[in-house]
Amino acid sequence: MSAAVADRKLIRAIAYAVKAEVMKKCIFEALSQLGFEVNVKTLQIFAGGAKKGLDVGLTIDAVKLSEKLDVIILVSGDGDYIRWLNTYRTPRAV
């Protein structure tokens, strides 16, 4: 986390995770010990096999916080966030 923060003041560090059967409780405890607020959701599996986790919650939090912060660091393997990132990655007039 210190490399990502660099010389900035860290306001909040939030880790969003989907609780799955293979994940151990110690992963969430380790994130907490590193200074993250841990937001854990249960994986929902819908008819037809669609899997949903926490995309909406993370996006809502990021939009709400983006007006107050100069930097948001998002680490994800989910391509669903590309459109949001393209919207918020350039400076905007308030």
N, C-alpha and C. Protein backbone atom coordinates (compact mmCIF):
# COMPACT_ATOMS: atom_id res chain seq x y z
N MET A 1 0.82 -1.18 0.00
CA MET A 1 0.00 0.00 0.00
C MET A 1 0.86 1.25 0.00
N SER A 2 2.00 1.22 0.67
CA SER A 2 2.85 2.40 0.76
C SER A 2 3.36 2.84 -0.62
N ALA A 3 3.62 1.90 -1.51
CA ALA A 3 4.07 2.26 -2.86
C ALA A 3 2.96 2.98 -3.63
N ALA A 4 1.72 2.56 -3.44
CA ALA A 4 0.60 3.20 -4.14
C ALA A 4 0.32 4.59 -3.57
N VAL A 5 0.48 4.75 -2.28
CA VAL A 5 0.20 6.03 -1.64
C VAL A 5 1.30 7.03 -1.92
N ALA A 6 2.54 6.58 -1.94
CA ALA A 6 3.71 7.43 -2.19
C ALA A 6 3.73 8.57 -1.19
N ASP A 7 3.77 9.83 -1.67
CA ASP A 7 3.86 10.97 -0.76
C ASP A 7 2.50 11.61 -0.47
N ARG A 8 1.42 10.93 -0.83
CA ARG A 8 0.08 11.44 -0.57
C ARG A 8 -0.36 11.07 0.85
N LYS A 9 -1.44 11.72 1.31
CA LYS A 9 -2.04 11.37 2.59
C LYS A 9 -3.14 10.34 2.31
N LEU A 10 -3.02 9.17 2.92
CA LEU A 10 -4.02 8.13 2.75
C LEU A 10 -5.25 8.49 3.56
N ILE A 11 -6.38 8.60 2.88
CA ILE A 11 -7.64 8.94 3.54
C ILE A 11 -8.37 7.66 3.95
N ARG A 12 -8.49 6.75 3.00
CA ARG A 12 -9.23 5.51 3.24
C ARG A 12 -8.69 4.43 2.35
N ALA A 13 -8.61 3.22 2.86
CA ALA A 13 -8.24 2.06 2.06
C ALA A 13 -9.34 1.02 2.27
N ILE A 14 -10.03 0.70 1.20
CA ILE A 14 -11.15 -0.23 1.28
C ILE A 14 -10.86 -1.42 0.38
N ALA A 15 -10.98 -2.61 0.93
CA ALA A 15 -10.82 -3.83 0.14
C ALA A 15 -12.21 -4.44 -0.02
N TYR A 16 -12.59 -4.71 -1.25
CA TYR A 16 -13.86 -5.34 -1.55
C TYR A 16 -13.56 -6.78 -1.96
N ALA A 17 -14.26 -7.71 -1.33
CA ALA A 17 -14.00 -9.12 -1.62
C ALA A 17 -15.31 -9.89 -1.64
N VAL A 18 -15.33 -10.89 -2.48
CA VAL A 18 -16.48 -11.79 -2.54
C VAL A 18 -16.12 -13.03 -1.74
N LYS A 19 -16.96 -13.35 -0.78
CA LYS A 19 -16.72 -14.52 0.05
C LYS A 19 -17.11 -15.76 -0.73
N ALA A 20 -16.13 -16.61 -0.97
CA ALA A 20 -16.36 -17.87 -1.67
C ALA A 20 -15.92 -19.00 -0.77
N GLU A 21 -16.36 -20.19 -1.09
CA GLU A 21 -16.05 -21.35 -0.26
C GLU A 21 -14.55 -21.57 -0.09
N VAL A 22 -13.76 -21.26 -1.13
CA VAL A 22 -12.32 -21.55 -1.07
C VAL A 22 -11.54 -20.50 -0.28
N MET A 23 -12.15 -19.34 -0.02
CA MET A 23 -11.43 -18.28 0.69
C MET A 23 -11.46 -18.52 2.19
N LYS A 24 -10.36 -18.33 2.80
CA LYS A 24 -10.22 -18.51 4.24
C LYS A 24 -10.42 -17.18 4.96
N LYS A 25 -10.89 -17.25 6.17
CA LYS A 25 -11.11 -16.06 6.98
C LYS A 25 -9.82 -15.28 7.18
N CYS A 26 -8.67 -15.97 7.18
CA CYS A 26 -7.40 -15.30 7.43
C CYS A 26 -7.06 -14.27 6.35
N ILE A 27 -7.59 -14.44 5.14
CA ILE A 27 -7.35 -13.46 4.07
C ILE A 27 -7.97 -12.12 4.46
N PHE A 28 -9.20 -12.16 4.95
CA PHE A 28 -9.88 -10.93 5.35
C PHE A 28 -9.22 -10.31 6.57
N GLU A 29 -8.77 -11.14 7.49
CA GLU A 29 -8.06 -10.64 8.67
C GLU A 29 -6.74 -9.98 8.28
N ALA A 30 -6.04 -10.58 7.31
CA ALA A 30 -4.76 -10.00 6.86
C ALA A 30 -4.99 -8.64 6.22
N LEU A 31 -6.02 -8.51 5.40
CA LEU A 31 -6.34 -7.21 4.79
C LEU A 31 -6.64 -6.17 5.87
N SER A 32 -7.39 -6.57 6.86
CA SER A 32 -7.72 -5.67 7.96
C SER A 32 -6.47 -5.23 8.72
N GLN A 33 -5.56 -6.16 8.97
CA GLN A 33 -4.33 -5.83 9.68
C GLN A 33 -3.43 -4.91 8.86
N LEU A 34 -3.57 -4.94 7.53
CA LEU A 34 -2.80 -4.04 6.67
C LEU A 34 -3.41 -2.64 6.61
N GLY A 35 -4.54 -2.44 7.27
CA GLY A 35 -5.14 -1.11 7.33
C GLY A 35 -6.33 -0.91 6.41
N PHE A 36 -6.79 -1.97 5.76
CA PHE A 36 -7.95 -1.86 4.88
C PHE A 36 -9.25 -2.01 5.66
N GLU A 37 -10.26 -1.23 5.27
CA GLU A 37 -11.63 -1.52 5.67
C GLU A 37 -12.03 -2.67 4.74
N VAL A 38 -12.54 -3.74 5.28
CA VAL A 38 -12.85 -4.91 4.46
C VAL A 38 -14.37 -5.00 4.27
N ASN A 39 -14.79 -4.96 3.01
CA ASN A 39 -16.19 -5.05 2.64
C ASN A 39 -16.37 -6.39 1.94
N VAL A 40 -16.99 -7.34 2.64
CA VAL A 40 -17.13 -8.70 2.12
C VAL A 40 -18.59 -8.96 1.76
N LYS A 41 -18.80 -9.46 0.58
CA LYS A 41 -20.13 -9.84 0.11
C LYS A 41 -20.13 -11.32 -0.23
N THR A 42 -21.28 -11.93 -0.12
CA THR A 42 -21.42 -13.33 -0.50
C THR A 42 -21.70 -13.41 -1.99
N LEU A 43 -21.04 -14.31 -2.65
CA LEU A 43 -21.25 -14.52 -4.08
C LEU A 43 -22.68 -15.01 -4.32
N GLN A 44 -23.39 -14.32 -5.21
CA GLN A 44 -24.75 -14.71 -5.55
C GLN A 44 -24.72 -15.40 -6.91
N ILE A 45 -25.34 -16.56 -7.00
CA ILE A 45 -25.42 -17.28 -8.27
C ILE A 45 -26.89 -17.34 -8.66
N PHE A 46 -27.19 -16.79 -9.83
CA PHE A 46 -28.56 -16.69 -10.30
C PHE A 46 -28.90 -17.82 -11.27
N ALA A 47 -30.19 -17.98 -11.54
CA ALA A 47 -30.64 -18.97 -12.52
C ALA A 47 -29.92 -18.72 -13.84
N GLY A 48 -29.46 -19.75 -14.46
CA GLY A 48 -28.70 -19.61 -15.69
C GLY A 48 -27.20 -19.55 -15.43
N GLY A 49 -26.79 -19.49 -14.16
CA GLY A 49 -25.37 -19.53 -13.83
C GLY A 49 -24.68 -18.19 -13.67
N ALA A 50 -25.40 -17.07 -13.87
CA ALA A 50 -24.78 -15.74 -13.73
C ALA A 50 -24.33 -15.54 -12.28
N LYS A 51 -23.11 -15.03 -12.12
CA LYS A 51 -22.55 -14.80 -10.78
C LYS A 51 -22.39 -13.30 -10.56
N LYS A 52 -22.85 -12.85 -9.42
CA LYS A 52 -22.76 -11.43 -9.08
C LYS A 52 -22.12 -11.28 -7.71
N GLY A 53 -21.27 -10.29 -7.61
CA GLY A 53 -20.58 -10.06 -6.35
C GLY A 53 -20.86 -8.68 -5.81
N LEU A 54 -19.90 -7.77 -5.99
CA LEU A 54 -20.02 -6.47 -5.36
C LEU A 54 -19.73 -5.31 -6.31
N ASP A 55 -19.89 -5.51 -7.60
CA ASP A 55 -19.62 -4.45 -8.57
C ASP A 55 -20.39 -3.17 -8.27
N VAL A 56 -21.67 -3.28 -7.98
CA VAL A 56 -22.51 -2.11 -7.76
C VAL A 56 -22.08 -1.37 -6.50
N GLY A 57 -21.85 -2.09 -5.41
CA GLY A 57 -21.44 -1.44 -4.17
C GLY A 57 -20.12 -0.72 -4.30
N LEU A 58 -19.16 -1.35 -4.95
CA LEU A 58 -17.86 -0.72 -5.15
C LEU A 58 -18.00 0.53 -6.02
N THR A 59 -18.78 0.44 -7.08
CA THR A 59 -18.95 1.58 -7.98
C THR A 59 -19.64 2.74 -7.28
N ILE A 60 -20.67 2.47 -6.50
CA ILE A 60 -21.36 3.54 -5.78
C ILE A 60 -20.42 4.22 -4.80
N ASP A 61 -19.66 3.44 -4.04
CA ASP A 61 -18.69 4.02 -3.11
C ASP A 61 -17.66 4.87 -3.84
N ALA A 62 -17.15 4.36 -4.96
CA ALA A 62 -16.13 5.09 -5.71
C ALA A 62 -16.67 6.40 -6.27
N VAL A 63 -17.90 6.40 -6.77
CA VAL A 63 -18.50 7.63 -7.30
C VAL A 63 -18.69 8.64 -6.18
N LYS A 64 -19.19 8.19 -5.03
CA LYS A 64 -19.39 9.11 -3.90
C LYS A 64 -18.07 9.69 -3.41
N LEU A 65 -17.04 8.88 -3.33
CA LEU A 65 -15.75 9.35 -2.83
C LEU A 65 -14.98 10.17 -3.86
N SER A 66 -15.23 9.95 -5.14
CA SER A 66 -14.43 10.59 -6.19
C SER A 66 -14.51 12.11 -6.17
N GLU A 67 -15.58 12.65 -5.67
CA GLU A 67 -15.73 14.11 -5.61
C GLU A 67 -14.85 14.72 -4.52
N LYS A 68 -14.40 13.91 -3.57
CA LYS A 68 -13.65 14.43 -2.42
C LYS A 68 -12.16 14.11 -2.49
N LEU A 69 -11.76 13.28 -3.44
CA LEU A 69 -10.38 12.80 -3.47
C LEU A 69 -9.68 13.20 -4.77
N ASP A 70 -8.38 13.28 -4.72
CA ASP A 70 -7.63 13.56 -5.94
C ASP A 70 -7.15 12.29 -6.62
N VAL A 71 -7.09 11.18 -5.88
CA VAL A 71 -6.62 9.91 -6.44
C VAL A 71 -7.45 8.77 -5.87
N ILE A 72 -7.87 7.89 -6.75
CA ILE A 72 -8.47 6.62 -6.34
C ILE A 72 -7.67 5.53 -7.04
N ILE A 73 -7.21 4.56 -6.29
CA ILE A 73 -6.44 3.45 -6.86
C ILE A 73 -7.35 2.23 -6.85
N LEU A 74 -7.61 1.69 -8.04
CA LEU A 74 -8.46 0.52 -8.17
C LEU A 74 -7.63 -0.61 -8.73
N VAL A 75 -7.58 -1.71 -8.01
CA VAL A 75 -6.87 -2.90 -8.46
C VAL A 75 -7.92 -3.98 -8.64
N SER A 76 -8.10 -4.42 -9.87
CA SER A 76 -9.14 -5.40 -10.15
C SER A 76 -8.81 -6.16 -11.43
N GLY A 77 -9.30 -7.36 -11.51
CA GLY A 77 -9.19 -8.13 -12.74
C GLY A 77 -10.48 -8.10 -13.53
N ASP A 78 -11.43 -7.28 -13.08
CA ASP A 78 -12.76 -7.22 -13.67
C ASP A 78 -12.84 -6.08 -14.68
N GLY A 79 -13.07 -6.41 -15.93
CA GLY A 79 -13.15 -5.41 -16.99
C GLY A 79 -14.39 -4.53 -16.92
N ASP A 80 -15.34 -4.86 -16.03
CA ASP A 80 -16.55 -4.05 -15.91
C ASP A 80 -16.25 -2.63 -15.43
N TYR A 81 -15.09 -2.42 -14.84
CA TYR A 81 -14.76 -1.10 -14.30
C TYR A 81 -14.12 -0.17 -15.32
N ILE A 82 -13.83 -0.63 -16.50
CA ILE A 82 -13.14 0.19 -17.51
C ILE A 82 -13.93 1.44 -17.85
N ARG A 83 -15.22 1.32 -18.06
CA ARG A 83 -16.04 2.50 -18.41
C ARG A 83 -16.02 3.53 -17.28
N TRP A 84 -16.14 3.07 -16.03
CA TRP A 84 -16.09 3.98 -14.91
C TRP A 84 -14.73 4.67 -14.84
N LEU A 85 -13.66 3.90 -15.01
CA LEU A 85 -12.32 4.47 -14.96
C LEU A 85 -12.10 5.51 -16.05
N ASN A 86 -12.58 5.24 -17.24
CA ASN A 86 -12.44 6.20 -18.34
C ASN A 86 -13.18 7.50 -18.05
N THR A 87 -14.26 7.42 -17.30
CA THR A 87 -15.02 8.63 -16.93
C THR A 87 -14.29 9.44 -15.86
N TYR A 88 -13.71 8.77 -14.88
CA TYR A 88 -13.15 9.45 -13.71
C TYR A 88 -11.64 9.63 -13.72
N ARG A 89 -10.97 9.19 -14.76
CA ARG A 89 -9.50 9.26 -14.73
C ARG A 89 -8.96 10.62 -15.15
N THR A 90 -9.78 11.48 -15.73
CA THR A 90 -9.31 12.80 -16.13
C THR A 90 -9.83 13.86 -15.15
N PRO A 91 -9.06 14.93 -14.93
CA PRO A 91 -9.51 15.98 -14.01
C PRO A 91 -10.81 16.61 -14.50
N ARG A 92 -11.69 16.91 -13.54
CA ARG A 92 -12.96 17.54 -13.87
C ARG A 92 -13.12 18.81 -13.05
N ALA A 93 -13.83 19.77 -13.64
CA ALA A 93 -14.16 20.98 -12.88
C ALA A 93 -15.35 20.68 -12.00
N VAL A 94 -15.32 21.17 -10.76
CA VAL A 94 -16.42 20.91 -9.84
C VAL A 94 -17.34 22.10 -9.85
